[in-house]
Protein backbone atom coordinates (compact mmCIF):
# COMPACT_ATOMS: atom_id res chain seq x y z
CA MET A 1 0.00 0.00 0.00
CA ARG A 2 3.00 2.34 0.10
CA GLY A 3 2.20 5.33 -2.07
CA GLU A 4 -1.32 4.19 -3.02
CA VAL A 5 -2.96 7.10 -1.16
CA LEU A 6 -0.86 9.60 -3.10
CA HIS A 7 -1.40 7.72 -6.37
CA ASP A 8 -5.18 8.12 -6.05
CA ALA A 9 -5.33 11.58 -4.41
CA PHE A 10 -2.63 14.18 -3.81
CA ASP A 11 -1.64 14.89 -0.20
CA ALA A 12 1.26 17.34 0.09
CA GLU A 13 1.97 16.58 3.75
CA LEU A 14 2.16 12.85 3.15
CA LEU A 15 4.44 13.34 0.15
CA ARG A 16 6.68 15.63 2.23
CA ALA A 17 6.85 12.97 4.97
CA LEU A 18 7.86 10.29 2.43
CA LEU A 19 10.47 12.65 0.96
CA LYS A 20 11.92 13.32 4.40
CA LEU A 21 12.20 9.59 5.11
CA ALA A 22 13.71 8.90 1.69
CA GLU A 23 16.24 11.70 2.00
CA GLU A 24 17.12 11.58 5.69
CA GLY A 25 16.06 8.21 7.07
CA ARG A 26 14.70 8.09 10.60
CA GLY A 27 16.84 10.56 12.46
CA GLU A 28 19.56 8.99 14.57
CA TYR A 29 18.98 5.53 13.12
CA ASP A 30 19.59 6.47 9.44
CA ASP A 31 17.75 3.35 8.33
CA ASP A 32 18.51 2.27 4.74
CA LEU A 33 15.42 0.05 4.68
CA THR A 34 13.17 2.96 5.68
CA GLN A 35 14.75 5.11 2.96
CA ARG A 36 14.28 2.38 0.35
CA LEU A 37 10.64 1.78 1.30
CA ALA A 38 9.93 5.51 1.25
CA ALA A 39 11.45 5.77 -2.25
CA GLU A 40 9.31 2.85 -3.40
CA GLY A 41 6.24 4.57 -1.95
CA ILE A 42 7.13 7.73 -3.83
CA ALA A 43 7.45 5.70 -7.04
CA ARG A 44 3.89 4.39 -6.56
CA ALA A 45 2.67 7.88 -5.76
CA MET A 46 4.23 9.18 -8.96
CA GLY A 47 2.34 6.60 -11.02
CA ALA A 48 4.73 3.66 -11.30
CA GLY A 49 3.20 0.21 -11.40
CA HIS A 50 3.92 -2.32 -8.67
CA VAL A 51 6.90 -3.91 -10.43
CA GLU A 52 8.37 -0.56 -11.55
CA SER A 53 8.08 0.82 -8.02
CA MET A 54 10.31 -1.89 -6.56
CA GLY A 55 13.57 -0.56 -7.95
CA PRO A 56 15.54 0.61 -10.94
CA THR A 57 15.19 -0.72 -14.44
CA GLU A 58 18.08 -2.59 -15.98
CA GLY A 59 21.01 -0.31 -16.61
CA ALA A 60 20.21 2.16 -13.81
CA THR A 61 21.59 2.12 -10.29
CA ARG A 62 19.33 2.33 -7.24
CA ALA A 63 20.90 5.71 -6.44
CA GLU A 64 20.09 7.11 -9.90
CA TRP A 65 16.56 5.69 -9.71
CA SER A 66 16.00 7.15 -6.23
CA GLN A 67 17.36 10.57 -7.16
CA GLY A 68 15.06 10.74 -10.19
CA LEU A 69 12.08 9.89 -8.00
CA LEU A 70 12.99 12.49 -5.42
CA ARG A 71 13.35 15.16 -8.12
CA ALA A 72 9.96 14.21 -9.56
CA ALA A 73 8.33 14.35 -6.12
CA HIS A 74 9.85 17.76 -5.38
CA ASP A 75 8.61 18.97 -8.78
CA ARG A 76 5.13 17.66 -7.95
CA LEU A 77 5.14 19.61 -4.68
CA ARG A 78 6.23 22.79 -6.47
CA GLU A 79 3.48 22.35 -9.08
CA ALA A 80 0.86 21.86 -6.39
CA ALA A 81 2.02 24.75 -4.20
CA PRO A 82 -0.09 27.46 -5.91
CA GLN A 83 -3.14 25.20 -5.65
CA LEU A 84 -2.75 24.50 -1.92
């Protein structure tokens, strides 16, 4: 269900929370798993199918894939800002 809420209806606060987890982890514990799951949730929120949201396509690194997702999510927040 990660990202499904944002896939069906935009919620800026939820997207910001996922971005924070994907970029920073969970504070003092800097949890790679939490960051990976947050990135996968962002992928679903940005419209990726289940398989596509699980990681990079062949030829891309997880870091490149994650950075592209984070840029797209930040862009989505900027686009929505005037509407909020």
